[in-house]
Amino acid sequence: MNLQQFVEFAIGSFASLFPIVDPLGSVPIFLVLTAKDPPRLRQQTADRIAVYTVLVLVLFLLVGSGILRFFGISLEVIRIAGGMVVVHSAWQMMGARSRLSKRENEKAIHRHQNEQYEDIAFTPMTMPMLAGPGAIATILGLAAQAGRTLTLATLLNLLATLLAIALLGGTICLFLRASCWLLNFFGETGIMASSRILGFITMAVGVQFILNGLADWLKDLQ
């Protein structure tokens, strides 16, 4: 494998993952879920989401097939479970109580070590929103495309895929950090006014996850 093939495999892997992960599409949901957080905490959450997404994708790239076979878990089950998590989060978004003031929130962070803030970095933002069943399935496909025998070409393909995942993580971080600018532009009141509407949309996304998982599961039974 020459340098051109390495670059082509890396670009192809990134192009395959980006529309499935859809970092831009996760920005509105991220804004609502972190609307009560101070800007610094929101940026830290964005960084953790990017890191968690990279780690999950790398994990499934290296050992994903073996894990699913060992536990007997299908992607359909992952999609249904992920949809339940999204629905639960959306229900909380739609029925959230009034938030503390910004000063009270900042004091609570330093005094209680963020105990008054729900950590949404891993669930539901990383899984199932970003590193969801579609991204996992894509990663498993790229792992199979890289090669099934331990050769130099296979290792280089895996390295190219790792590079694509790292670039994707950087893209996620940039998009989510930019959401803070959107919050400053629209203001906290504007974000809160749209939170219930977006909460309903998020619930619809979760229900769609569940229906897609059930549909694929029923297809497998036929």
N, C-alpha and C. Protein backbone atom coordinates (compact mmCIF):
# COMPACT_ATOMS: atom_id res chain seq x y z
N MET A 1 0.84 -1.20 0.00
CA MET A 1 0.00 0.00 0.00
C MET A 1 0.88 1.24 0.00
N ASN A 2 0.60 2.18 -0.94
CA ASN A 2 1.35 3.42 -0.99
C ASN A 2 0.62 4.52 -0.23
N LEU A 3 1.22 5.71 -0.20
CA LEU A 3 0.64 6.81 0.55
C LEU A 3 -0.72 7.22 -0.01
N GLN A 4 -0.85 7.19 -1.33
CA GLN A 4 -2.12 7.57 -1.95
C GLN A 4 -3.25 6.65 -1.51
N GLN A 5 -3.00 5.35 -1.48
CA GLN A 5 -4.02 4.41 -1.04
C GLN A 5 -4.37 4.62 0.43
N PHE A 6 -3.36 4.93 1.24
CA PHE A 6 -3.60 5.20 2.66
C PHE A 6 -4.52 6.41 2.83
N VAL A 7 -4.21 7.48 2.10
CA VAL A 7 -5.02 8.70 2.19
C VAL A 7 -6.43 8.44 1.68
N GLU A 8 -6.55 7.71 0.59
CA GLU A 8 -7.86 7.41 0.03
C GLU A 8 -8.71 6.60 1.00
N PHE A 9 -8.08 5.64 1.68
CA PHE A 9 -8.84 4.83 2.64
C PHE A 9 -9.27 5.69 3.83
N ALA A 10 -8.39 6.60 4.27
CA ALA A 10 -8.73 7.48 5.38
C ALA A 10 -9.88 8.42 5.00
N ILE A 11 -9.80 9.01 3.81
CA ILE A 11 -10.86 9.91 3.35
C ILE A 11 -12.17 9.15 3.16
N GLY A 12 -12.08 7.96 2.60
CA GLY A 12 -13.28 7.15 2.42
C GLY A 12 -13.92 6.76 3.74
N SER A 13 -13.11 6.46 4.74
CA SER A 13 -13.64 6.11 6.06
C SER A 13 -14.33 7.32 6.68
N PHE A 14 -13.70 8.49 6.58
CA PHE A 14 -14.31 9.71 7.13
C PHE A 14 -15.63 10.03 6.42
N ALA A 15 -15.62 9.90 5.08
CA ALA A 15 -16.82 10.18 4.31
C ALA A 15 -17.95 9.21 4.64
N SER A 16 -17.60 7.99 5.02
CA SER A 16 -18.62 7.01 5.39
C SER A 16 -19.20 7.29 6.77
N LEU A 17 -18.34 7.75 7.68
CA LEU A 17 -18.77 7.96 9.07
C LEU A 17 -19.50 9.28 9.27
N PHE A 18 -19.06 10.34 8.58
CA PHE A 18 -19.57 11.68 8.87
C PHE A 18 -21.09 11.79 8.74
N PRO A 19 -21.70 11.35 7.61
CA PRO A 19 -23.16 11.49 7.52
C PRO A 19 -23.91 10.60 8.50
N ILE A 20 -23.31 9.50 8.92
CA ILE A 20 -23.97 8.61 9.88
C ILE A 20 -23.92 9.21 11.27
N VAL A 21 -22.75 9.69 11.68
CA VAL A 21 -22.60 10.30 13.00
C VAL A 21 -23.34 11.63 13.07
N ASP A 22 -23.27 12.42 12.00
CA ASP A 22 -24.00 13.68 11.86
C ASP A 22 -23.75 14.62 13.04
N PRO A 23 -22.53 15.15 13.18
CA PRO A 23 -22.25 16.07 14.29
C PRO A 23 -23.11 17.32 14.26
N LEU A 24 -23.39 17.85 13.07
CA LEU A 24 -24.18 19.07 12.97
C LEU A 24 -25.61 18.84 13.45
N GLY A 25 -26.15 17.69 13.13
CA GLY A 25 -27.52 17.40 13.54
C GLY A 25 -27.70 17.24 15.04
N SER A 26 -26.60 16.99 15.75
CA SER A 26 -26.68 16.82 17.20
C SER A 26 -26.60 18.14 17.95
N VAL A 27 -26.30 19.24 17.25
CA VAL A 27 -26.12 20.53 17.92
C VAL A 27 -27.39 21.01 18.62
N PRO A 28 -28.58 21.00 17.97
CA PRO A 28 -29.78 21.47 18.68
C PRO A 28 -30.08 20.69 19.95
N ILE A 29 -29.94 19.37 19.87
CA ILE A 29 -30.20 18.54 21.05
C ILE A 29 -29.17 18.84 22.14
N PHE A 30 -27.92 19.02 21.74
CA PHE A 30 -26.88 19.36 22.71
C PHE A 30 -27.19 20.69 23.39
N LEU A 31 -27.68 21.66 22.63
CA LEU A 31 -28.02 22.96 23.20
C LEU A 31 -29.10 22.85 24.26
N VAL A 32 -30.12 22.04 23.99
CA VAL A 32 -31.21 21.90 24.94
C VAL A 32 -30.76 21.15 26.17
N LEU A 33 -30.03 20.06 25.98
CA LEU A 33 -29.60 19.24 27.12
C LEU A 33 -28.63 19.98 28.03
N THR A 34 -27.90 20.97 27.48
CA THR A 34 -26.93 21.71 28.29
C THR A 34 -27.35 23.15 28.50
N ALA A 35 -28.63 23.45 28.29
CA ALA A 35 -29.09 24.84 28.39
C ALA A 35 -28.91 25.40 29.80
N LYS A 36 -28.94 24.56 30.82
CA LYS A 36 -28.81 25.04 32.18
C LYS A 36 -27.35 25.13 32.63
N ASP A 37 -26.43 24.71 31.78
CA ASP A 37 -25.02 24.67 32.16
C ASP A 37 -24.32 25.99 31.85
N PRO A 38 -23.39 26.43 32.68
CA PRO A 38 -22.55 27.59 32.36
C PRO A 38 -21.71 27.29 31.12
N PRO A 39 -21.26 28.32 30.39
CA PRO A 39 -20.49 28.09 29.15
C PRO A 39 -19.27 27.20 29.35
N ARG A 40 -18.54 27.38 30.45
CA ARG A 40 -17.33 26.57 30.64
C ARG A 40 -17.67 25.10 30.80
N LEU A 41 -18.72 24.80 31.56
CA LEU A 41 -19.12 23.41 31.74
C LEU A 41 -19.63 22.82 30.42
N ARG A 42 -20.33 23.64 29.63
CA ARG A 42 -20.83 23.17 28.34
C ARG A 42 -19.68 22.81 27.40
N GLN A 43 -18.62 23.61 27.39
CA GLN A 43 -17.47 23.31 26.55
C GLN A 43 -16.75 22.05 27.02
N GLN A 44 -16.65 21.88 28.34
CA GLN A 44 -16.05 20.66 28.86
C GLN A 44 -16.87 19.44 28.47
N THR A 45 -18.19 19.58 28.50
CA THR A 45 -19.05 18.47 28.07
C THR A 45 -18.84 18.17 26.59
N ALA A 46 -18.70 19.21 25.77
CA ALA A 46 -18.45 19.02 24.34
C ALA A 46 -17.14 18.25 24.12
N ASP A 47 -16.11 18.58 24.88
CA ASP A 47 -14.83 17.89 24.76
C ASP A 47 -14.98 16.41 25.14
N ARG A 48 -15.72 16.16 26.23
CA ARG A 48 -15.89 14.77 26.67
C ARG A 48 -16.69 13.97 25.65
N ILE A 49 -17.71 14.59 25.06
CA ILE A 49 -18.50 13.90 24.04
C ILE A 49 -17.62 13.48 22.87
N ALA A 50 -16.76 14.39 22.42
CA ALA A 50 -15.85 14.07 21.31
C ALA A 50 -14.92 12.93 21.68
N VAL A 51 -14.36 12.99 22.90
CA VAL A 51 -13.43 11.94 23.34
C VAL A 51 -14.16 10.60 23.47
N TYR A 52 -15.33 10.61 24.10
CA TYR A 52 -16.10 9.37 24.27
C TYR A 52 -16.47 8.77 22.92
N THR A 53 -16.87 9.61 21.97
CA THR A 53 -17.25 9.10 20.66
C THR A 53 -16.07 8.43 19.97
N VAL A 54 -14.91 9.06 20.05
CA VAL A 54 -13.71 8.48 19.46
C VAL A 54 -13.39 7.14 20.13
N LEU A 55 -13.46 7.09 21.45
CA LEU A 55 -13.12 5.86 22.17
C LEU A 55 -14.09 4.73 21.81
N VAL A 56 -15.38 5.04 21.73
CA VAL A 56 -16.37 4.01 21.40
C VAL A 56 -16.14 3.48 19.99
N LEU A 57 -15.90 4.37 19.04
CA LEU A 57 -15.68 3.93 17.66
C LEU A 57 -14.40 3.12 17.52
N VAL A 58 -13.36 3.56 18.22
CA VAL A 58 -12.10 2.81 18.18
C VAL A 58 -12.28 1.43 18.80
N LEU A 59 -13.03 1.36 19.90
CA LEU A 59 -13.28 0.08 20.56
C LEU A 59 -13.96 -0.89 19.61
N PHE A 60 -15.02 -0.43 18.94
CA PHE A 60 -15.74 -1.32 18.04
C PHE A 60 -14.94 -1.61 16.78
N LEU A 61 -14.06 -0.70 16.39
CA LEU A 61 -13.19 -0.99 15.24
C LEU A 61 -12.27 -2.15 15.54
N LEU A 62 -11.76 -2.20 16.77
CA LEU A 62 -10.75 -3.20 17.12
C LEU A 62 -11.37 -4.51 17.59
N VAL A 63 -12.41 -4.43 18.44
CA VAL A 63 -12.93 -5.66 19.05
C VAL A 63 -14.45 -5.76 18.98
N GLY A 64 -15.08 -4.90 18.18
CA GLY A 64 -16.54 -4.85 18.19
C GLY A 64 -17.21 -6.15 17.78
N SER A 65 -16.75 -6.75 16.72
CA SER A 65 -17.38 -7.98 16.25
C SER A 65 -17.32 -9.08 17.29
N GLY A 66 -16.17 -9.19 17.94
CA GLY A 66 -16.03 -10.22 18.97
C GLY A 66 -16.93 -9.98 20.16
N ILE A 67 -17.10 -8.70 20.56
CA ILE A 67 -17.95 -8.37 21.70
C ILE A 67 -19.40 -8.74 21.42
N LEU A 68 -19.91 -8.35 20.25
CA LEU A 68 -21.30 -8.63 19.92
C LEU A 68 -21.55 -10.14 19.83
N ARG A 69 -20.61 -10.88 19.24
CA ARG A 69 -20.77 -12.32 19.14
C ARG A 69 -20.72 -12.96 20.52
N PHE A 70 -19.86 -12.47 21.39
CA PHE A 70 -19.69 -13.06 22.72
C PHE A 70 -20.97 -12.91 23.55
N PHE A 71 -21.58 -11.73 23.52
CA PHE A 71 -22.78 -11.49 24.30
C PHE A 71 -24.06 -11.80 23.54
N GLY A 72 -23.96 -12.12 22.27
CA GLY A 72 -25.13 -12.44 21.49
C GLY A 72 -26.04 -11.24 21.27
N ILE A 73 -25.45 -10.04 21.14
CA ILE A 73 -26.22 -8.80 20.98
C ILE A 73 -26.24 -8.41 19.51
N SER A 74 -27.40 -8.08 19.02
CA SER A 74 -27.54 -7.63 17.63
C SER A 74 -27.62 -6.11 17.58
N LEU A 75 -27.38 -5.55 16.39
CA LEU A 75 -27.50 -4.10 16.22
C LEU A 75 -28.94 -3.64 16.39
N GLU A 76 -29.89 -4.52 16.08
CA GLU A 76 -31.28 -4.17 16.28
C GLU A 76 -31.58 -3.90 17.76
N VAL A 77 -31.04 -4.76 18.63
CA VAL A 77 -31.24 -4.59 20.07
C VAL A 77 -30.58 -3.29 20.54
N ILE A 78 -29.39 -2.98 20.02
CA ILE A 78 -28.71 -1.74 20.37
C ILE A 78 -29.55 -0.54 19.95
N ARG A 79 -30.15 -0.60 18.76
CA ARG A 79 -30.96 0.51 18.27
C ARG A 79 -32.20 0.70 19.14
N ILE A 80 -32.86 -0.37 19.55
CA ILE A 80 -34.06 -0.27 20.38
C ILE A 80 -33.70 0.30 21.75
N ALA A 81 -32.64 -0.23 22.36
CA ALA A 81 -32.23 0.26 23.68
C ALA A 81 -31.83 1.73 23.61
N GLY A 82 -31.12 2.11 22.54
CA GLY A 82 -30.73 3.50 22.38
C GLY A 82 -31.93 4.41 22.23
N GLY A 83 -32.95 3.96 21.50
CA GLY A 83 -34.16 4.75 21.35
C GLY A 83 -34.86 4.97 22.68
N MET A 84 -34.86 3.96 23.55
CA MET A 84 -35.46 4.12 24.87
C MET A 84 -34.74 5.18 25.68
N VAL A 85 -33.41 5.22 25.57
CA VAL A 85 -32.63 6.23 26.30
C VAL A 85 -32.97 7.63 25.81
N VAL A 86 -33.10 7.79 24.48
CA VAL A 86 -33.42 9.10 23.91
C VAL A 86 -34.81 9.54 24.34
N VAL A 87 -35.78 8.63 24.33
CA VAL A 87 -37.14 8.96 24.74
C VAL A 87 -37.15 9.40 26.21
N HIS A 88 -36.42 8.71 27.05
CA HIS A 88 -36.36 9.08 28.46
C HIS A 88 -35.77 10.48 28.63
N SER A 89 -34.70 10.77 27.91
CA SER A 89 -34.08 12.10 27.99
C SER A 89 -35.03 13.17 27.48
N ALA A 90 -35.75 12.88 26.39
CA ALA A 90 -36.68 13.85 25.83
C ALA A 90 -37.83 14.13 26.80
N TRP A 91 -38.29 13.11 27.49
CA TRP A 91 -39.36 13.30 28.47
C TRP A 91 -38.91 14.25 29.58
N GLN A 92 -37.67 14.10 30.02
CA GLN A 92 -37.14 15.01 31.03
C GLN A 92 -37.01 16.43 30.49
N MET A 93 -36.63 16.56 29.22
CA MET A 93 -36.51 17.88 28.61
C MET A 93 -37.86 18.59 28.56
N MET A 94 -38.91 17.87 28.23
CA MET A 94 -40.23 18.47 28.07
C MET A 94 -40.87 18.82 29.41
N GLY A 95 -40.50 18.10 30.47
CA GLY A 95 -41.11 18.34 31.76
C GLY A 95 -40.16 18.92 32.78
N ALA A 96 -39.09 19.58 32.31
CA ALA A 96 -38.08 20.10 33.23
C ALA A 96 -38.64 21.24 34.06
N ARG A 97 -38.19 21.31 35.33
CA ARG A 97 -38.58 22.40 36.21
C ARG A 97 -37.73 23.63 35.91
N SER A 98 -38.11 24.74 36.54
CA SER A 98 -37.36 25.98 36.36
C SER A 98 -35.93 25.80 36.87
N ARG A 99 -34.99 26.38 36.15
CA ARG A 99 -33.59 26.22 36.51
C ARG A 99 -33.19 27.25 37.55
N LEU A 100 -32.06 26.96 38.21
CA LEU A 100 -31.48 27.94 39.11
C LEU A 100 -30.91 29.10 38.29
N SER A 101 -30.63 30.20 38.95
CA SER A 101 -29.99 31.32 38.27
C SER A 101 -28.57 30.95 37.89
N LYS A 102 -28.01 31.73 37.00
CA LYS A 102 -26.65 31.44 36.54
C LYS A 102 -25.66 31.49 37.70
N ARG A 103 -25.80 32.48 38.59
CA ARG A 103 -24.88 32.58 39.72
C ARG A 103 -25.02 31.39 40.65
N GLU A 104 -26.24 30.96 40.90
CA GLU A 104 -26.46 29.80 41.76
C GLU A 104 -25.90 28.54 41.12
N ASN A 105 -26.03 28.43 39.82
CA ASN A 105 -25.48 27.27 39.14
C ASN A 105 -23.96 27.23 39.25
N GLU A 106 -23.32 28.38 39.04
CA GLU A 106 -21.86 28.43 39.12
C GLU A 106 -21.38 28.11 40.54
N LYS A 107 -22.10 28.61 41.55
CA LYS A 107 -21.73 28.28 42.92
C LYS A 107 -21.91 26.79 43.18
N ALA A 108 -22.96 26.22 42.64
CA ALA A 108 -23.21 24.80 42.85
C ALA A 108 -22.13 23.94 42.22
N ILE A 109 -21.59 24.40 41.09
CA ILE A 109 -20.54 23.63 40.43
C ILE A 109 -19.31 23.53 41.33
N HIS A 110 -18.88 24.67 41.86
CA HIS A 110 -17.68 24.68 42.68
C HIS A 110 -17.92 24.02 44.04
N ARG A 111 -19.12 24.13 44.57
CA ARG A 111 -19.36 23.62 45.90
C ARG A 111 -19.67 22.14 45.91
N HIS A 112 -20.39 21.67 44.88
CA HIS A 112 -20.86 20.30 44.88
C HIS A 112 -20.25 19.45 43.76
N GLN A 113 -19.25 19.98 43.11
CA GLN A 113 -18.53 19.24 42.08
C GLN A 113 -19.48 18.71 41.00
N ASN A 114 -20.30 19.68 40.49
CA ASN A 114 -21.20 19.41 39.36
C ASN A 114 -22.32 18.42 39.70
N GLU A 115 -22.63 18.20 40.96
CA GLU A 115 -23.65 17.22 41.32
C GLU A 115 -25.05 17.66 40.88
N GLN A 116 -25.28 18.96 40.68
CA GLN A 116 -26.59 19.42 40.29
C GLN A 116 -26.79 19.40 38.79
N TYR A 117 -25.81 18.92 38.05
CA TYR A 117 -25.91 18.89 36.59
C TYR A 117 -25.86 17.43 36.13
N GLU A 118 -26.82 17.10 35.29
CA GLU A 118 -26.85 15.75 34.74
C GLU A 118 -25.78 15.62 33.66
N ASP A 119 -24.97 14.58 33.78
CA ASP A 119 -23.90 14.36 32.80
C ASP A 119 -24.49 13.64 31.60
N ILE A 120 -24.60 14.37 30.50
CA ILE A 120 -25.18 13.79 29.28
C ILE A 120 -24.10 13.48 28.25
N ALA A 121 -22.82 13.54 28.65
CA ALA A 121 -21.72 13.37 27.70
C ALA A 121 -21.74 11.98 27.06
N PHE A 122 -21.90 10.95 27.89
CA PHE A 122 -21.88 9.60 27.32
C PHE A 122 -23.28 9.18 26.86
N THR A 123 -24.27 9.36 27.75
CA THR A 123 -25.65 9.03 27.41
C THR A 123 -26.52 10.25 27.62
N PRO A 124 -27.26 10.73 26.65
CA PRO A 124 -27.48 10.08 25.35
C PRO A 124 -26.64 10.64 24.20
N MET A 125 -25.72 11.62 24.46
CA MET A 125 -25.06 12.28 23.35
C MET A 125 -24.10 11.35 22.59
N THR A 126 -23.21 10.67 23.34
CA THR A 126 -22.29 9.76 22.65
C THR A 126 -23.04 8.54 22.14
N MET A 127 -23.73 7.87 23.03
CA MET A 127 -24.57 6.73 22.66
C MET A 127 -25.97 6.99 23.18
N PRO A 128 -26.99 6.98 22.31
CA PRO A 128 -26.92 6.49 20.93
C PRO A 128 -26.89 7.57 19.86
N MET A 129 -26.77 8.88 20.22
CA MET A 129 -26.91 9.93 19.23
C MET A 129 -25.77 9.94 18.21
N LEU A 130 -24.53 9.96 18.70
CA LEU A 130 -23.39 10.07 17.78
C LEU A 130 -22.82 8.69 17.44
N ALA A 131 -22.37 7.96 18.45
CA ALA A 131 -21.84 6.61 18.21
C ALA A 131 -22.96 5.61 18.37
N GLY A 132 -23.99 5.76 17.55
CA GLY A 132 -25.16 4.90 17.63
C GLY A 132 -25.02 3.65 16.78
N PRO A 133 -26.12 2.91 16.61
CA PRO A 133 -26.08 1.66 15.85
C PRO A 133 -25.57 1.84 14.42
N GLY A 134 -25.97 2.95 13.78
CA GLY A 134 -25.50 3.18 12.41
C GLY A 134 -24.00 3.37 12.35
N ALA A 135 -23.46 4.15 13.28
CA ALA A 135 -22.01 4.37 13.31
C ALA A 135 -21.27 3.07 13.64
N ILE A 136 -21.83 2.29 14.57
CA ILE A 136 -21.20 1.02 14.94
C ILE A 136 -21.21 0.07 13.75
N ALA A 137 -22.34 0.00 13.05
CA ALA A 137 -22.41 -0.87 11.88
C ALA A 137 -21.42 -0.43 10.81
N THR A 138 -21.26 0.89 10.62
CA THR A 138 -20.30 1.40 9.65
C THR A 138 -18.87 1.04 10.05
N ILE A 139 -18.57 1.17 11.34
CA ILE A 139 -17.24 0.82 11.82
C ILE A 139 -16.95 -0.66 11.61
N LEU A 140 -17.93 -1.51 11.89
CA LEU A 140 -17.73 -2.95 11.69
C LEU A 140 -17.50 -3.25 10.21
N GLY A 141 -18.21 -2.53 9.34
CA GLY A 141 -17.99 -2.71 7.91
C GLY A 141 -16.61 -2.26 7.47
N LEU A 142 -16.13 -1.13 8.03
CA LEU A 142 -14.78 -0.66 7.70
C LEU A 142 -13.72 -1.62 8.21
N ALA A 143 -13.97 -2.21 9.39
CA ALA A 143 -13.02 -3.18 9.93
C ALA A 143 -12.92 -4.40 9.01
N ALA A 144 -14.07 -4.84 8.49
CA ALA A 144 -14.05 -5.96 7.56
C ALA A 144 -13.38 -5.58 6.25
N GLN A 145 -13.60 -4.35 5.80
CA GLN A 145 -12.99 -3.89 4.55
C GLN A 145 -11.49 -3.73 4.69
N ALA A 146 -11.02 -3.43 5.89
CA ALA A 146 -9.58 -3.26 6.11
C ALA A 146 -8.81 -4.54 5.86
N GLY A 147 -9.44 -5.68 6.11
CA GLY A 147 -8.77 -6.96 5.91
C GLY A 147 -9.03 -7.89 7.07
N ARG A 148 -9.04 -9.17 6.76
CA ARG A 148 -9.31 -10.17 7.79
C ARG A 148 -8.06 -10.91 8.24
N THR A 149 -6.95 -10.70 7.55
CA THR A 149 -5.69 -11.33 7.93
C THR A 149 -4.73 -10.27 8.44
N LEU A 150 -3.88 -10.66 9.35
CA LEU A 150 -2.94 -9.72 9.97
C LEU A 150 -1.76 -9.50 9.04
N THR A 151 -1.91 -8.52 8.14
CA THR A 151 -0.85 -8.16 7.21
C THR A 151 -0.56 -6.67 7.35
N LEU A 152 0.51 -6.23 6.68
CA LEU A 152 0.87 -4.81 6.73
C LEU A 152 -0.23 -3.95 6.12
N ALA A 153 -0.81 -4.44 5.04
CA ALA A 153 -1.88 -3.69 4.39
C ALA A 153 -3.08 -3.53 5.32
N THR A 154 -3.43 -4.60 6.05
CA THR A 154 -4.54 -4.53 6.99
C THR A 154 -4.25 -3.53 8.10
N LEU A 155 -3.05 -3.56 8.63
CA LEU A 155 -2.68 -2.64 9.69
C LEU A 155 -2.72 -1.19 9.22
N LEU A 156 -2.27 -0.94 7.99
CA LEU A 156 -2.31 0.41 7.46
C LEU A 156 -3.75 0.88 7.23
N ASN A 157 -4.61 -0.03 6.79
CA ASN A 157 -6.02 0.32 6.63
C ASN A 157 -6.66 0.67 7.97
N LEU A 158 -6.33 -0.12 8.99
CA LEU A 158 -6.86 0.18 10.32
C LEU A 158 -6.33 1.52 10.83
N LEU A 159 -5.06 1.79 10.54
CA LEU A 159 -4.48 3.07 10.95
C LEU A 159 -5.16 4.23 10.23
N ALA A 160 -5.47 4.03 8.95
CA ALA A 160 -6.18 5.06 8.20
C ALA A 160 -7.58 5.30 8.78
N THR A 161 -8.24 4.22 9.19
CA THR A 161 -9.56 4.36 9.81
C THR A 161 -9.46 5.07 11.16
N LEU A 162 -8.42 4.77 11.92
CA LEU A 162 -8.20 5.46 13.19
C LEU A 162 -7.99 6.96 12.96
N LEU A 163 -7.26 7.30 11.91
CA LEU A 163 -7.06 8.70 11.58
C LEU A 163 -8.39 9.37 11.24
N ALA A 164 -9.24 8.67 10.48
CA ALA A 164 -10.55 9.21 10.13
C ALA A 164 -11.40 9.42 11.39
N ILE A 165 -11.33 8.49 12.34
CA ILE A 165 -12.10 8.63 13.59
C ILE A 165 -11.59 9.83 14.39
N ALA A 166 -10.27 10.02 14.42
CA ALA A 166 -9.71 11.16 15.13
C ALA A 166 -10.17 12.48 14.52
N LEU A 167 -10.16 12.55 13.19
CA LEU A 167 -10.64 13.76 12.50
C LEU A 167 -12.12 13.99 12.78
N LEU A 168 -12.89 12.92 12.84
CA LEU A 168 -14.31 13.03 13.15
C LEU A 168 -14.50 13.55 14.57
N GLY A 169 -13.68 13.07 15.51
CA GLY A 169 -13.76 13.57 16.88
C GLY A 169 -13.48 15.06 16.96
N GLY A 170 -12.48 15.53 16.20
CA GLY A 170 -12.20 16.96 16.16
C GLY A 170 -13.35 17.75 15.58
N THR A 171 -14.00 17.20 14.57
CA THR A 171 -15.15 17.87 13.96
C THR A 171 -16.31 17.97 14.95
N ILE A 172 -16.56 16.89 15.69
CA ILE A 172 -17.62 16.90 16.70
C ILE A 172 -17.35 17.97 17.74
N CYS A 173 -16.11 18.05 18.20
CA CYS A 173 -15.74 19.03 19.22
C CYS A 173 -15.97 20.45 18.71
N LEU A 174 -15.59 20.71 17.47
CA LEU A 174 -15.76 22.05 16.91
C LEU A 174 -17.24 22.42 16.79
N PHE A 175 -18.06 21.50 16.31
CA PHE A 175 -19.48 21.79 16.15
C PHE A 175 -20.15 22.05 17.50
N LEU A 176 -19.85 21.21 18.47
CA LEU A 176 -20.51 21.36 19.77
C LEU A 176 -20.01 22.59 20.52
N ARG A 177 -18.72 22.90 20.38
CA ARG A 177 -18.22 24.13 21.01
C ARG A 177 -18.83 25.36 20.35
N ALA A 178 -19.07 25.29 19.05
CA ALA A 178 -19.69 26.42 18.36
C ALA A 178 -21.13 26.63 18.80
N SER A 179 -21.75 25.60 19.37
CA SER A 179 -23.12 25.75 19.84
C SER A 179 -23.22 26.79 20.95
N CYS A 180 -22.14 27.02 21.68
CA CYS A 180 -22.12 28.05 22.71
C CYS A 180 -22.33 29.44 22.08
N TRP A 181 -21.78 29.65 20.89
CA TRP A 181 -21.98 30.93 20.20
C TRP A 181 -23.46 31.09 19.86
N LEU A 182 -24.10 29.99 19.45
CA LEU A 182 -25.52 30.05 19.15
C LEU A 182 -26.33 30.40 20.39
N LEU A 183 -25.95 29.83 21.52
CA LEU A 183 -26.65 30.12 22.76
C LEU A 183 -26.49 31.58 23.14
N ASN A 184 -25.27 32.12 22.97
CA ASN A 184 -25.05 33.53 23.27
C ASN A 184 -25.83 34.44 22.33
N PHE A 185 -25.99 34.00 21.08
CA PHE A 185 -26.69 34.81 20.09
C PHE A 185 -28.20 34.85 20.37
N PHE A 186 -28.78 33.68 20.64
CA PHE A 186 -30.22 33.61 20.85
C PHE A 186 -30.60 33.93 22.29
N GLY A 187 -29.65 33.75 23.22
CA GLY A 187 -29.96 34.01 24.61
C GLY A 187 -30.56 32.80 25.29
N GLU A 188 -30.44 32.77 26.62
CA GLU A 188 -30.95 31.63 27.39
C GLU A 188 -32.47 31.53 27.28
N THR A 189 -33.15 32.71 27.24
CA THR A 189 -34.60 32.70 27.15
C THR A 189 -35.06 32.08 25.83
N GLY A 190 -34.38 32.42 24.75
CA GLY A 190 -34.75 31.85 23.46
C GLY A 190 -34.53 30.36 23.40
N ILE A 191 -33.42 29.89 23.99
CA ILE A 191 -33.16 28.46 24.02
C ILE A 191 -34.22 27.74 24.85
N MET A 192 -34.58 28.32 26.00
CA MET A 192 -35.58 27.68 26.84
C MET A 192 -36.95 27.65 26.18
N ALA A 193 -37.27 28.71 25.40
CA ALA A 193 -38.56 28.75 24.71
C ALA A 193 -38.69 27.61 23.70
N SER A 194 -37.55 27.22 23.12
CA SER A 194 -37.58 26.15 22.11
C SER A 194 -37.31 24.77 22.71
N SER A 195 -37.01 24.70 24.00
CA SER A 195 -36.61 23.43 24.60
C SER A 195 -37.73 22.40 24.56
N ARG A 196 -38.97 22.84 24.82
CA ARG A 196 -40.06 21.88 24.80
C ARG A 196 -40.35 21.38 23.38
N ILE A 197 -40.24 22.29 22.40
CA ILE A 197 -40.44 21.86 21.01
C ILE A 197 -39.35 20.88 20.59
N LEU A 198 -38.10 21.22 20.90
CA LEU A 198 -37.00 20.32 20.56
C LEU A 198 -37.08 19.04 21.37
N GLY A 199 -37.59 19.13 22.60
CA GLY A 199 -37.79 17.91 23.39
C GLY A 199 -38.75 16.96 22.71
N PHE A 200 -39.83 17.52 22.12
CA PHE A 200 -40.77 16.68 21.39
C PHE A 200 -40.11 16.06 20.16
N ILE A 201 -39.31 16.86 19.45
CA ILE A 201 -38.60 16.34 18.27
C ILE A 201 -37.62 15.25 18.68
N THR A 202 -36.91 15.48 19.80
CA THR A 202 -35.98 14.47 20.28
C THR A 202 -36.70 13.18 20.64
N MET A 203 -37.89 13.30 21.24
CA MET A 203 -38.67 12.10 21.55
C MET A 203 -39.04 11.36 20.27
N ALA A 204 -39.39 12.13 19.21
CA ALA A 204 -39.72 11.51 17.94
C ALA A 204 -38.51 10.75 17.37
N VAL A 205 -37.31 11.34 17.55
CA VAL A 205 -36.09 10.66 17.10
C VAL A 205 -35.93 9.34 17.84
N GLY A 206 -36.14 9.36 19.16
CA GLY A 206 -36.03 8.13 19.94
C GLY A 206 -37.03 7.08 19.52
N VAL A 207 -38.28 7.49 19.28
CA VAL A 207 -39.29 6.55 18.82
C VAL A 207 -38.91 5.97 17.46
N GLN A 208 -38.31 6.81 16.59
CA GLN A 208 -37.89 6.32 15.28
C GLN A 208 -36.79 5.28 15.43
N PHE A 209 -35.86 5.50 16.38
CA PHE A 209 -34.82 4.51 16.65
C PHE A 209 -35.47 3.16 17.01
N ILE A 210 -36.47 3.23 17.89
CA ILE A 210 -37.11 2.00 18.35
C ILE A 210 -37.83 1.30 17.18
N LEU A 211 -38.57 2.07 16.38
CA LEU A 211 -39.30 1.49 15.26
C LEU A 211 -38.36 0.88 14.23
N ASN A 212 -37.23 1.57 13.96
CA ASN A 212 -36.25 1.02 13.01
C ASN A 212 -35.67 -0.29 13.53
N GLY A 213 -35.37 -0.32 14.82
CA GLY A 213 -34.84 -1.55 15.40
C GLY A 213 -35.84 -2.68 15.34
N LEU A 214 -37.12 -2.38 15.63
CA LEU A 214 -38.15 -3.41 15.56
C LEU A 214 -38.35 -3.89 14.13
N ALA A 215 -38.31 -2.94 13.17
CA ALA A 215 -38.49 -3.32 11.76
C ALA A 215 -37.38 -4.25 11.30
N ASP A 216 -36.13 -3.92 11.65
CA ASP A 216 -35.02 -4.78 11.26
C ASP A 216 -35.11 -6.15 11.95
N TRP A 217 -35.57 -6.14 13.21
CA TRP A 217 -35.69 -7.38 13.94
C TRP A 217 -36.76 -8.28 13.30
N LEU A 218 -37.87 -7.67 12.88
CA LEU A 218 -38.94 -8.45 12.24
C LEU A 218 -38.50 -9.01 10.89
N LYS A 219 -37.66 -8.24 10.18
CA LYS A 219 -37.12 -8.73 8.91
C LYS A 219 -36.27 -9.96 9.12
N ASP A 220 -35.49 -9.96 10.18
CA ASP A 220 -34.63 -11.10 10.47
C ASP A 220 -35.44 -12.35 10.82
N LEU A 221 -36.65 -12.15 11.36
CA LEU A 221 -37.49 -13.29 11.73
C LEU A 221 -38.12 -13.95 10.52
N GLN A 222 -38.27 -13.21 9.43
CA GLN A 222 -38.93 -13.74 8.23
C GLN A 222 -38.02 -14.67 7.45
